[in-house]
Amino acid sequence: MTDLATPSKVTFAEPPSSPDRRVRRTGTAARRVRSAVTSALKHAGLVLFGFVMLYPLLWMLASSIKPNALIFREPGLIPSDVDLSNYTDGWSALLHPFSRYLINSAIVVLGCVLGNLVSCSLAAYAFARLRFRGRNFWFAIMLMTIMLPIHVIIVPQYVMFSRLEWINTFLPLIVPKLLATDAFFIFLMVQFFRGIPRELDEAARIDGAGHVRIYWQIMMPLALPALATTAIFTFIWAWNDFFSQLIFLTKPDMYTVPIALRTFVDSTGESSWGALFAMSIVSLIPVFLVFLFGQKYLVKGIATTGIK
């Protein structure tokens, strides 16, 4: 028998890389490095910008746990001495416990939110779906009211509410919301309603539905993002409103949170800065929670109403 030789492996040498290929590889690596550096700089800038925006809040939080003598002596964020008594002292420092002012603000905010949701949605449905004489004219007049500052109408409002004996009640703050006085929210909902196909209205009319049923059973469920946006903005604006509440509420029993916080600052004597900052942190908690849980509806509502 003859032995069969094992075939040897055949190897092929790689052709030398051309100069053009090396140049392309070098250019790709350089672009990756530039992209990574640009991304890192953008993130660093965003972190720095976010820290600058949050610094006042962080400083107020740090000052709320400092003794009064160290608040302005040590302006840093890390306190050398922690004093939690500012929260307990601030809670009972005024004529009433601070919970009283939180409840007053909650009543005002709840009335404003419900008023805007009902009245502004009804007015928006009328402008978006109903046909009546002068619709465009009245819509333009409504938009022009956005440019009116509160200081222009506060005096006539005070005279009218004083004749109605509504001063030192929550009615001057809540009743105007029931009359669709916030043109911004009407415009926001009009834009949203115009994006809903009219075929849904026509199908509902074939089934015998009127405007009330179309508004309640078709428009309202579909307008949830716009309603959530209205509720969140109304909550934040009404909770932080100081000027209107200062004008119409003069009795300490009717004070809301912004006015109660103002009473911690004494222009003639010593101010309780630690208690003021502590109660300011407490008053921010409801706003933070509302924005935290309603953030996705807020973004969706603004994105789908044509406001860019």
C-alpha atoms as a PDB file:
ATOM      1  CA  MET A   1       0.000   0.000   0.000  1.00  0.00           C
ATOM      2  CA  THR A   2       1.156   3.455  -0.684  1.00  0.00           C
ATOM      3  CA  ASP A   3       0.876   6.091   2.082  1.00  0.00           C
ATOM      4  CA  LEU A   4      -1.320   9.054   1.223  1.00  0.00           C
ATOM      5  CA  ALA A   5       0.298  12.320   2.210  1.00  0.00           C
ATOM      6  CA  THR A   6      -1.788  14.629   4.366  1.00  0.00           C
ATOM      7  CA  PRO A   7      -2.607  17.760   2.372  1.00  0.00           C
ATOM      8  CA  SER A   8      -1.002  20.828   3.844  1.00  0.00           C
ATOM      9  CA  LYS A   9      -3.057  23.964   4.675  1.00  0.00           C
ATOM     10  CA  VAL A  10      -2.909  26.685   2.139  1.00  0.00           C
ATOM     11  CA  THR A  11      -2.564  30.175   3.596  1.00  0.00           C
ATOM     12  CA  PHE A  12      -3.154  33.397   1.774  1.00  0.00           C
ATOM     13  CA  ALA A  13      -1.361  36.502   2.780  1.00  0.00           C
ATOM     14  CA  GLU A  14      -3.524  39.592   3.344  1.00  0.00           C
ATOM     15  CA  PRO A  15      -2.892  42.261   0.834  1.00  0.00           C
ATOM     16  CA  PRO A  16      -1.276  45.306   2.326  1.00  0.00           C
ATOM     17  CA  SER A  17      -3.803  47.936   3.319  1.00  0.00           C
ATOM     18  CA  SER A  18      -3.926  50.833   0.988  1.00  0.00           C
ATOM     19  CA  PRO A  19      -3.234  54.405   2.196  1.00  0.00           C
ATOM     20  CA  ASP A  20      -6.855  55.411   1.479  1.00  0.00           C
ATOM     21  CA  ARG A  21      -8.182  52.705   3.809  1.00  0.00           C
ATOM     22  CA  ARG A  22      -5.878  53.797   6.612  1.00  0.00           C
ATOM     23  CA  VAL A  23      -6.976  57.396   6.124  1.00  0.00           C
ATOM     24  CA  ARG A  24     -10.658  56.386   6.339  1.00  0.00           C
ATOM     25  CA  ARG A  25     -10.044  54.426   9.540  1.00  0.00           C
ATOM     26  CA  THR A  26      -8.191  57.355  11.067  1.00  0.00           C
ATOM     27  CA  GLY A  27     -11.011  59.752  10.089  1.00  0.00           C
ATOM     28  CA  THR A  28     -13.671  57.466  11.576  1.00  0.00           C
ATOM     29  CA  ALA A  29     -11.766  57.186  14.855  1.00  0.00           C
ATOM     30  CA  ALA A  30     -11.319  60.964  14.984  1.00  0.00           C
ATOM     31  CA  ARG A  31     -15.039  61.522  14.418  1.00  0.00           C
ATOM     32  CA  ARG A  32     -15.852  59.082  17.229  1.00  0.00           C
ATOM     33  CA  VAL A  33     -13.509  60.922  19.568  1.00  0.00           C
ATOM     34  CA  ARG A  34     -15.013  64.290  18.644  1.00  0.00           C
ATOM     35  CA  SER A  35     -18.526  62.928  19.116  1.00  0.00           C
ATOM     36  CA  ALA A  36     -17.638  61.520  22.541  1.00  0.00           C
ATOM     37  CA  VAL A  37     -15.998  64.778  23.621  1.00  0.00           C
ATOM     38  CA  THR A  38     -18.971  66.837  22.365  1.00  0.00           C
ATOM     39  CA  SER A  39     -21.437  64.579  24.177  1.00  0.00           C
ATOM     40  CA  ALA A  40     -19.411  64.794  27.395  1.00  0.00           C
ATOM     41  CA  LEU A  41     -19.268  68.599  27.172  1.00  0.00           C
ATOM     42  CA  LYS A  42     -23.025  68.793  26.555  1.00  0.00           C
ATOM     43  CA  HIS A  43     -23.780  66.604  29.548  1.00  0.00           C
ATOM     44  CA  ALA A  44     -21.374  68.571  31.719  1.00  0.00           C
ATOM     45  CA  GLY A  45     -23.029  71.807  30.636  1.00  0.00           C
ATOM     46  CA  LEU A  46     -26.496  70.425  31.378  1.00  0.00           C
ATOM     47  CA  VAL A  47     -25.376  69.232  34.810  1.00  0.00           C
ATOM     48  CA  LEU A  48     -23.849  72.643  35.558  1.00  0.00           C
ATOM     49  CA  PHE A  49     -26.978  74.454  34.328  1.00  0.00           C
ATOM     50  CA  GLY A  50     -29.192  72.153  36.401  1.00  0.00           C
ATOM     51  CA  PHE A  51     -27.088  72.787  39.496  1.00  0.00           C
ATOM     52  CA  VAL A  52     -27.332  76.548  38.970  1.00  0.00           C
ATOM     53  CA  MET A  53     -31.120  76.270  38.641  1.00  0.00           C
ATOM     54  CA  LEU A  54     -31.428  74.064  41.722  1.00  0.00           C
ATOM     55  CA  TYR A  55     -28.955  75.982  43.884  1.00  0.00           C
ATOM     56  CA  PRO A  56     -31.550  78.391  45.410  1.00  0.00           C
ATOM     57  CA  LEU A  57     -33.757  75.448  46.361  1.00  0.00           C
ATOM     58  CA  LEU A  58     -30.808  73.516  47.787  1.00  0.00           C
ATOM     59  CA  TRP A  59     -29.666  76.589  49.703  1.00  0.00           C
ATOM     60  CA  MET A  60     -33.143  77.092  51.153  1.00  0.00           C
ATOM     61  CA  LEU A  61     -33.266  73.424  52.167  1.00  0.00           C
ATOM     62  CA  ALA A  62     -29.866  73.689  53.845  1.00  0.00           C
ATOM     63  CA  SER A  63     -30.845  76.953  55.568  1.00  0.00           C
ATOM     64  CA  SER A  64     -34.029  75.390  56.934  1.00  0.00           C
ATOM     65  CA  ILE A  65     -31.946  73.091  59.165  1.00  0.00           C
ATOM     66  CA  LYS A  66     -29.496  75.771  60.341  1.00  0.00           C
ATOM     67  CA  PRO A  67     -29.793  77.960  63.431  1.00  0.00           C
ATOM     68  CA  ASN A  68     -30.826  81.524  62.640  1.00  0.00           C
ATOM     69  CA  ALA A  69     -27.401  82.852  63.602  1.00  0.00           C
ATOM     70  CA  LEU A  70     -25.669  80.687  60.957  1.00  0.00           C
ATOM     71  CA  ILE A  71     -28.004  81.125  57.993  1.00  0.00           C
ATOM     72  CA  PHE A  72     -26.294  84.192  56.534  1.00  0.00           C
ATOM     73  CA  ARG A  73     -22.978  83.690  58.301  1.00  0.00           C
ATOM     74  CA  GLU A  74     -22.382  80.347  56.538  1.00  0.00           C
ATOM     75  CA  PRO A  75     -23.828  80.599  53.032  1.00  0.00           C
ATOM     76  CA  GLY A  76     -22.621  77.138  52.012  1.00  0.00           C
ATOM     77  CA  LEU A  77     -24.821  74.106  51.398  1.00  0.00           C
ATOM     78  CA  ILE A  78     -23.273  71.942  54.123  1.00  0.00           C
ATOM     79  CA  PRO A  79     -24.339  73.190  57.572  1.00  0.00           C
ATOM     80  CA  SER A  80     -21.894  73.024  60.442  1.00  0.00           C
ATOM     81  CA  ASP A  81     -24.749  72.699  62.939  1.00  0.00           C
ATOM     82  CA  VAL A  82     -28.078  70.991  62.257  1.00  0.00           C
ATOM     83  CA  ASP A  83     -31.180  72.388  63.973  1.00  0.00           C
ATOM     84  CA  LEU A  84     -34.506  70.735  63.084  1.00  0.00           C
ATOM     85  CA  SER A  85     -36.441  72.900  65.516  1.00  0.00           C
ATOM     86  CA  ASN A  86     -37.121  75.365  62.683  1.00  0.00           C
ATOM     87  CA  TYR A  87     -39.837  73.036  61.432  1.00  0.00           C
ATOM     88  CA  THR A  88     -41.568  72.649  64.755  1.00  0.00           C
ATOM     89  CA  ASP A  89     -41.182  76.339  65.622  1.00  0.00           C
ATOM     90  CA  GLY A  90     -42.367  77.469  62.196  1.00  0.00           C
ATOM     91  CA  TRP A  91     -45.409  75.207  62.317  1.00  0.00           C
ATOM     92  CA  SER A  92     -46.742  76.997  65.413  1.00  0.00           C
ATOM     93  CA  ALA A  93     -45.021  80.389  65.146  1.00  0.00           C
ATOM     94  CA  LEU A  94     -48.001  82.281  63.741  1.00  0.00           C
ATOM     95  CA  LEU A  95     -51.448  83.013  65.129  1.00  0.00           C
ATOM     96  CA  HIS A  96     -52.734  79.664  63.836  1.00  0.00           C
ATOM     97  CA  PRO A  97     -50.915  76.396  63.129  1.00  0.00           C
ATOM     98  CA  PHE A  98     -49.470  76.268  59.646  1.00  0.00           C
ATOM     99  CA  SER A  99     -51.894  73.485  58.779  1.00  0.00           C
ATOM    100  CA  ARG A 100     -54.671  76.095  58.826  1.00  0.00           C
ATOM    101  CA  TYR A 101     -53.012  78.005  55.994  1.00  0.00           C
ATOM    102  CA  LEU A 102     -52.373  74.812  54.058  1.00  0.00           C
ATOM    103  CA  ILE A 103     -56.070  73.954  54.288  1.00  0.00           C
ATOM    104  CA  ASN A 104     -57.049  77.458  53.149  1.00  0.00           C
ATOM    105  CA  SER A 105     -54.752  77.178  50.143  1.00  0.00           C
ATOM    106  CA  ALA A 106     -56.103  73.717  49.374  1.00  0.00           C
ATOM    107  CA  ILE A 107     -59.684  75.063  49.342  1.00  0.00           C
ATOM    108  CA  VAL A 108     -58.751  77.897  46.994  1.00  0.00           C
ATOM    109  CA  VAL A 109     -56.727  75.632  44.699  1.00  0.00           C
ATOM    110  CA  LEU A 110     -59.427  72.963  44.540  1.00  0.00           C
ATOM    111  CA  GLY A 111     -62.067  75.541  43.629  1.00  0.00           C
ATOM    112  CA  CYS A 112     -59.832  77.121  40.985  1.00  0.00           C
ATOM    113  CA  VAL A 113     -58.936  73.771  39.401  1.00  0.00           C
ATOM    114  CA  LEU A 114     -62.533  72.563  39.219  1.00  0.00           C
ATOM    115  CA  GLY A 115     -63.707  75.948  37.953  1.00  0.00           C
ATOM    116  CA  ASN A 116     -61.155  76.102  35.156  1.00  0.00           C
ATOM    117  CA  LEU A 117     -61.716  72.496  34.097  1.00  0.00           C
ATOM    118  CA  VAL A 118     -65.462  72.974  33.733  1.00  0.00           C
ATOM    119  CA  SER A 119     -65.738  76.531  32.419  1.00  0.00           C
ATOM    120  CA  CYS A 120     -62.706  76.577  30.121  1.00  0.00           C
ATOM    121  CA  SER A 121     -63.605  73.215  28.556  1.00  0.00           C
ATOM    122  CA  LEU A 122     -67.167  74.404  27.888  1.00  0.00           C
ATOM    123  CA  ALA A 123     -65.961  77.650  26.327  1.00  0.00           C
ATOM    124  CA  ALA A 124     -63.357  75.786  24.270  1.00  0.00           C
ATOM    125  CA  TYR A 125     -65.974  73.334  22.989  1.00  0.00           C
ATOM    126  CA  ALA A 126     -68.166  76.246  21.910  1.00  0.00           C
ATOM    127  CA  PHE A 127     -65.327  77.929  19.993  1.00  0.00           C
ATOM    128  CA  ALA A 128     -64.113  74.674  18.438  1.00  0.00           C
ATOM    129  CA  ARG A 129     -67.372  72.914  17.544  1.00  0.00           C
ATOM    130  CA  LEU A 130     -70.308  75.343  17.546  1.00  0.00           C
ATOM    131  CA  ARG A 131     -71.058  77.769  14.722  1.00  0.00           C
ATOM    132  CA  PHE A 132     -72.468  81.115  15.802  1.00  0.00           C
ATOM    133  CA  ARG A 133     -72.333  84.686  14.584  1.00  0.00           C
ATOM    134  CA  GLY A 134     -69.167  86.537  15.576  1.00  0.00           C
ATOM    135  CA  ARG A 135     -67.300  83.427  16.691  1.00  0.00           C
ATOM    136  CA  ASN A 136     -63.944  84.536  15.287  1.00  0.00           C
ATOM    137  CA  PHE A 137     -64.432  88.056  16.651  1.00  0.00           C
ATOM    138  CA  TRP A 138     -65.138  86.882  20.193  1.00  0.00           C
ATOM    139  CA  PHE A 139     -62.306  84.374  19.981  1.00  0.00           C
ATOM    140  CA  ALA A 140     -59.919  87.212  19.091  1.00  0.00           C
ATOM    141  CA  ILE A 141     -61.290  89.333  21.953  1.00  0.00           C
ATOM    142  CA  MET A 142     -60.747  86.392  24.300  1.00  0.00           C
ATOM    143  CA  LEU A 143     -57.134  86.039  23.152  1.00  0.00           C
ATOM    144  CA  MET A 144     -56.538  89.762  23.660  1.00  0.00           C
ATOM    145  CA  THR A 145     -57.436  89.427  27.340  1.00  0.00           C
ATOM    146  CA  ILE A 146     -54.237  87.411  27.814  1.00  0.00           C
ATOM    147  CA  MET A 147     -52.293  90.658  27.388  1.00  0.00           C
ATOM    148  CA  LEU A 148     -54.162  92.398  30.220  1.00  0.00           C
ATOM    149  CA  PRO A 149     -52.066  92.421  33.418  1.00  0.00           C
ATOM    150  CA  ILE A 150     -53.769  91.657  36.717  1.00  0.00           C
ATOM    151  CA  HIS A 151     -52.960  95.155  37.989  1.00  0.00           C
ATOM    152  CA  VAL A 152     -55.309  96.685  35.405  1.00  0.00           C
ATOM    153  CA  ILE A 153     -58.409  94.789  36.513  1.00  0.00           C
ATOM    154  CA  ILE A 154     -57.697  94.329  40.228  1.00  0.00           C
ATOM    155  CA  VAL A 155     -59.217  97.697  41.243  1.00  0.00           C
ATOM    156  CA  PRO A 156     -62.564  97.198  39.435  1.00  0.00           C
ATOM    157  CA  GLN A 157     -62.680  93.665  40.783  1.00  0.00           C
ATOM    158  CA  TYR A 158     -62.078  94.860  44.330  1.00  0.00           C
ATOM    159  CA  VAL A 159     -64.828  97.487  44.053  1.00  0.00           C
ATOM    160  CA  MET A 160     -67.293  94.948  42.672  1.00  0.00           C
ATOM    161  CA  PHE A 161     -66.465  92.232  45.211  1.00  0.00           C
ATOM    162  CA  SER A 162     -66.561  94.772  48.032  1.00  0.00           C
ATOM    163  CA  ARG A 163     -70.125  95.755  47.066  1.00  0.00           C
ATOM    164  CA  LEU A 164     -71.011  92.058  47.034  1.00  0.00           C
ATOM    165  CA  GLU A 165     -69.432  91.738  50.516  1.00  0.00           C
ATOM    166  CA  TRP A 166     -67.082  89.020  49.305  1.00  0.00           C
ATOM    167  CA  ILE A 167     -63.919  90.505  50.817  1.00  0.00           C
ATOM    168  CA  ASN A 168     -62.231  88.137  53.309  1.00  0.00           C
ATOM    169  CA  THR A 169     -63.888  85.165  51.664  1.00  0.00           C
ATOM    170  CA  PHE A 170     -62.590  82.720  49.075  1.00  0.00           C
ATOM    171  CA  LEU A 171     -65.282  83.702  46.573  1.00  0.00           C
ATOM    172  CA  PRO A 172     -63.256  86.444  44.763  1.00  0.00           C
ATOM    173  CA  LEU A 173     -60.563  83.866  44.074  1.00  0.00           C
ATOM    174  CA  ILE A 174     -62.824  80.978  43.009  1.00  0.00           C
ATOM    175  CA  VAL A 175     -65.909  82.488  41.322  1.00  0.00           C
ATOM    176  CA  PRO A 176     -63.974  84.122  38.411  1.00  0.00           C
ATOM    177  CA  LYS A 177     -62.589  80.686  37.537  1.00  0.00           C
ATOM    178  CA  LEU A 178     -66.160  79.457  37.083  1.00  0.00           C
ATOM    179  CA  LEU A 179     -66.660  82.127  34.404  1.00  0.00           C
ATOM    180  CA  ALA A 180     -63.811  81.024  32.103  1.00  0.00           C
ATOM    181  CA  THR A 181     -61.590  84.030  32.766  1.00  0.00           C
ATOM    182  CA  ASP A 182     -58.311  82.235  31.962  1.00  0.00           C
ATOM    183  CA  ALA A 183     -58.017  82.690  28.200  1.00  0.00           C
ATOM    184  CA  PHE A 184     -54.791  80.700  28.028  1.00  0.00           C
ATOM    185  CA  PHE A 185     -56.517  77.466  29.013  1.00  0.00           C
ATOM    186  CA  ILE A 186     -59.430  78.138  26.650  1.00  0.00           C
ATOM    187  CA  PHE A 187     -56.975  78.558  23.787  1.00  0.00           C
ATOM    188  CA  LEU A 188     -55.113  75.402  24.809  1.00  0.00           C
ATOM    189  CA  MET A 189     -58.305  73.313  24.808  1.00  0.00           C
ATOM    190  CA  VAL A 190     -59.576  74.865  21.562  1.00  0.00           C
ATOM    191  CA  GLN A 191     -56.387  73.735  19.841  1.00  0.00           C
ATOM    192  CA  PHE A 192     -56.845  70.251  21.256  1.00  0.00           C
ATOM    193  CA  PHE A 193     -60.530  69.996  20.294  1.00  0.00           C
ATOM    194  CA  ARG A 194     -59.749  71.102  16.745  1.00  0.00           C
ATOM    195  CA  GLY A 195     -57.411  68.130  16.433  1.00  0.00           C
ATOM    196  CA  ILE A 196     -60.211  65.659  17.215  1.00  0.00           C
ATOM    197  CA  PRO A 197     -61.855  64.385  13.983  1.00  0.00           C
ATOM    198  CA  ARG A 198     -65.319  65.764  13.338  1.00  0.00           C
ATOM    199  CA  GLU A 199     -66.391  62.337  12.115  1.00  0.00           C
ATOM    200  CA  LEU A 200     -66.769  61.362  15.766  1.00  0.00           C
ATOM    201  CA  ASP A 201     -69.286  64.182  16.263  1.00  0.00           C
ATOM    202  CA  GLU A 202     -71.196  63.188  13.137  1.00  0.00           C
ATOM    203  CA  ALA A 203     -71.337  59.548  14.206  1.00  0.00           C
ATOM    204  CA  ALA A 204     -72.619  60.601  17.628  1.00  0.00           C
ATOM    205  CA  ARG A 205     -75.325  62.793  16.042  1.00  0.00           C
ATOM    206  CA  ILE A 206     -76.474  59.851  13.926  1.00  0.00           C
ATOM    207  CA  ASP A 207     -76.939  57.933  17.172  1.00  0.00           C
ATOM    208  CA  GLY A 208     -79.060  60.787  18.487  1.00  0.00           C
ATOM    209  CA  ALA A 209     -76.485  62.495  20.724  1.00  0.00           C
ATOM    210  CA  GLY A 210     -76.680  66.221  21.335  1.00  0.00           C
ATOM    211  CA  HIS A 211     -73.974  68.707  22.187  1.00  0.00           C
ATOM    212  CA  VAL A 212     -74.065  67.889  25.902  1.00  0.00           C
ATOM    213  CA  ARG A 213     -73.577  64.181  25.307  1.00  0.00           C
ATOM    214  CA  ILE A 214     -70.875  64.767  22.683  1.00  0.00           C
ATOM    215  CA  TYR A 215     -69.060  67.104  25.059  1.00  0.00           C
ATOM    216  CA  TRP A 216     -69.262  64.759  28.042  1.00  0.00           C
ATOM    217  CA  GLN A 217     -68.874  61.309  26.485  1.00  0.00           C
ATOM    218  CA  ILE A 218     -66.602  62.011  23.509  1.00  0.00           C
ATOM    219  CA  MET A 219     -64.645  65.207  24.006  1.00  0.00           C
ATOM    220  CA  MET A 220     -63.836  64.904  27.695  1.00  0.00           C
ATOM    221  CA  PRO A 221     -62.304  61.393  27.598  1.00  0.00           C
ATOM    222  CA  LEU A 222     -60.209  62.305  24.549  1.00  0.00           C
ATOM    223  CA  ALA A 223     -59.123  65.633  26.068  1.00  0.00           C
ATOM    224  CA  LEU A 224     -57.522  64.086  29.147  1.00  0.00           C
ATOM    225  CA  PRO A 225     -53.985  65.431  28.344  1.00  0.00           C
ATOM    226  CA  ALA A 226     -55.316  68.980  27.876  1.00  0.00           C
ATOM    227  CA  LEU A 227     -57.409  68.718  31.041  1.00  0.00           C
ATOM    228  CA  ALA A 228     -54.410  67.448  33.004  1.00  0.00           C
ATOM    229  CA  THR A 229     -52.278  70.320  31.695  1.00  0.00           C
ATOM    230  CA  THR A 230     -54.953  72.814  32.726  1.00  0.00           C
ATOM    231  CA  ALA A 231     -55.268  71.266  36.181  1.00  0.00           C
ATOM    232  CA  ILE A 232     -51.503  71.242  36.805  1.00  0.00           C
ATOM    233  CA  PHE A 233     -50.924  74.821  35.682  1.00  0.00           C
ATOM    234  CA  THR A 234     -53.963  76.052  37.591  1.00  0.00           C
ATOM    235  CA  PHE A 235     -52.789  74.266  40.728  1.00  0.00           C
ATOM    236  CA  ILE A 236     -49.301  75.768  40.549  1.00  0.00           C
ATOM    237  CA  TRP A 237     -50.488  79.296  39.720  1.00  0.00           C
ATOM    238  CA  ALA A 238     -53.232  79.344  42.349  1.00  0.00           C
ATOM    239  CA  TRP A 239     -50.978  77.827  45.026  1.00  0.00           C
ATOM    240  CA  ASN A 240     -48.254  80.410  44.404  1.00  0.00           C
ATOM    241  CA  ASP A 241     -50.585  83.387  43.889  1.00  0.00           C
ATOM    242  CA  PHE A 242     -49.673  86.128  46.335  1.00  0.00           C
ATOM    243  CA  PHE A 243     -50.957  89.415  44.938  1.00  0.00           C
ATOM    244  CA  SER A 244     -54.648  88.545  44.516  1.00  0.00           C
ATOM    245  CA  GLN A 245     -54.841  86.707  47.818  1.00  0.00           C
ATOM    246  CA  LEU A 246     -53.149  89.608  49.589  1.00  0.00           C
ATOM    247  CA  ILE A 247     -55.755  92.017  48.200  1.00  0.00           C
ATOM    248  CA  PHE A 248     -58.878  89.998  48.995  1.00  0.00           C
ATOM    249  CA  LEU A 249     -57.823  88.193  52.198  1.00  0.00           C
ATOM    250  CA  THR A 250     -56.910  90.491  55.092  1.00  0.00           C
ATOM    251  CA  LYS A 251     -58.049  88.481  58.116  1.00  0.00           C
ATOM    252  CA  PRO A 252     -55.430  86.108  59.589  1.00  0.00           C
ATOM    253  CA  ASP A 253     -58.063  83.357  59.723  1.00  0.00           C
ATOM    254  CA  MET A 254     -58.337  83.442  55.922  1.00  0.00           C
ATOM    255  CA  TYR A 255     -54.614  83.624  55.123  1.00  0.00           C
ATOM    256  CA  THR A 256     -53.255  81.213  52.556  1.00  0.00           C
ATOM    257  CA  VAL A 257     -49.727  79.822  52.407  1.00  0.00           C
ATOM    258  CA  PRO A 258     -48.095  82.718  50.442  1.00  0.00           C
ATOM    259  CA  ILE A 259     -49.510  85.341  52.815  1.00  0.00           C
ATOM    260  CA  ALA A 260     -48.607  83.259  55.871  1.00  0.00           C
ATOM    261  CA  LEU A 261     -45.023  82.971  54.670  1.00  0.00           C
ATOM    262  CA  ARG A 262     -44.884  86.746  54.282  1.00  0.00           C
ATOM    263  CA  THR A 263     -45.760  87.235  57.952  1.00  0.00           C
ATOM    264  CA  PHE A 264     -42.510  85.534  58.989  1.00  0.00           C
ATOM    265  CA  VAL A 265     -40.609  88.574  57.667  1.00  0.00           C
ATOM    266  CA  ASP A 266     -40.801  91.533  60.036  1.00  0.00           C
ATOM    267  CA  SER A 267     -39.675  94.859  58.589  1.00  0.00           C
ATOM    268  CA  THR A 268     -39.353  96.472  62.032  1.00  0.00           C
ATOM    269  CA  GLY A 269     -37.933  93.659  64.133  1.00  0.00           C
ATOM    270  CA  GLU A 270     -36.151  90.340  63.899  1.00  0.00           C
ATOM    271  CA  SER A 271     -37.318  87.973  61.175  1.00  0.00           C
ATOM    272  CA  SER A 272     -37.585  84.216  61.715  1.00  0.00           C
ATOM    273  CA  TRP A 273     -35.566  83.179  58.694  1.00  0.00           C
ATOM    274  CA  GLY A 274     -35.108  79.573  59.765  1.00  0.00           C
ATOM    275  CA  ALA A 275     -38.835  79.057  60.317  1.00  0.00           C
ATOM    276  CA  LEU A 276     -39.584  80.873  57.050  1.00  0.00           C
ATOM    277  CA  PHE A 277     -37.312  78.576  55.040  1.00  0.00           C
ATOM    278  CA  ALA A 278     -38.634  75.495  56.827  1.00  0.00           C
ATOM    279  CA  MET A 279     -42.255  76.327  56.046  1.00  0.00           C
ATOM    280  CA  SER A 280     -41.283  77.282  52.501  1.00  0.00           C
ATOM    281  CA  ILE A 281     -39.952  73.752  52.025  1.00  0.00           C
ATOM    282  CA  VAL A 282     -43.198  72.358  53.442  1.00  0.00           C
ATOM    283  CA  SER A 283     -45.253  74.500  51.061  1.00  0.00           C
ATOM    284  CA  LEU A 284     -43.256  73.255  48.070  1.00  0.00           C
ATOM    285  CA  ILE A 285     -44.077  69.599  48.720  1.00  0.00           C
ATOM    286  CA  PRO A 286     -47.623  69.690  47.199  1.00  0.00           C
ATOM    287  CA  VAL A 287     -46.356  71.466  44.076  1.00  0.00           C
ATOM    288  CA  PHE A 288     -43.516  68.983  43.705  1.00  0.00           C
ATOM    289  CA  LEU A 289     -45.855  65.996  44.051  1.00  0.00           C
ATOM    290  CA  VAL A 290     -48.381  67.378  41.564  1.00  0.00           C
ATOM    291  CA  PHE A 291     -45.676  68.041  38.987  1.00  0.00           C
ATOM    292  CA  LEU A 292     -44.015  64.675  39.633  1.00  0.00           C
ATOM    293  CA  PHE A 293     -47.142  62.584  39.088  1.00  0.00           C
ATOM    294  CA  GLY A 294     -48.581  64.768  36.317  1.00  0.00           C
ATOM    295  CA  GLN A 295     -45.430  65.351  34.312  1.00  0.00           C
ATOM    296  CA  LYS A 296     -46.234  62.887  31.519  1.00  0.00           C
ATOM    297  CA  TYR A 297     -49.716  64.370  31.055  1.00  0.00           C
ATOM    298  CA  LEU A 298     -48.259  67.872  31.077  1.00  0.00           C
ATOM    299  CA  VAL A 299     -45.767  67.116  28.309  1.00  0.00           C
ATOM    300  CA  LYS A 300     -48.347  65.222  26.263  1.00  0.00           C
ATOM    301  CA  GLY A 301     -50.940  67.950  26.670  1.00  0.00           C
ATOM    302  CA  ILE A 302     -48.591  70.721  25.492  1.00  0.00           C
ATOM    303  CA  ALA A 303     -47.235  68.604  22.622  1.00  0.00           C
ATOM    304  CA  THR A 304     -50.700  67.793  21.268  1.00  0.00           C
ATOM    305  CA  THR A 305     -52.249  71.262  21.433  1.00  0.00           C
ATOM    306  CA  GLY A 306     -50.096  73.021  18.868  1.00  0.00           C
ATOM    307  CA  ILE A 307     -48.082  75.023  21.420  1.00  0.00           C
ATOM    308  CA  LYS A 308     -44.410  74.616  20.529  1.00  0.00           C
END
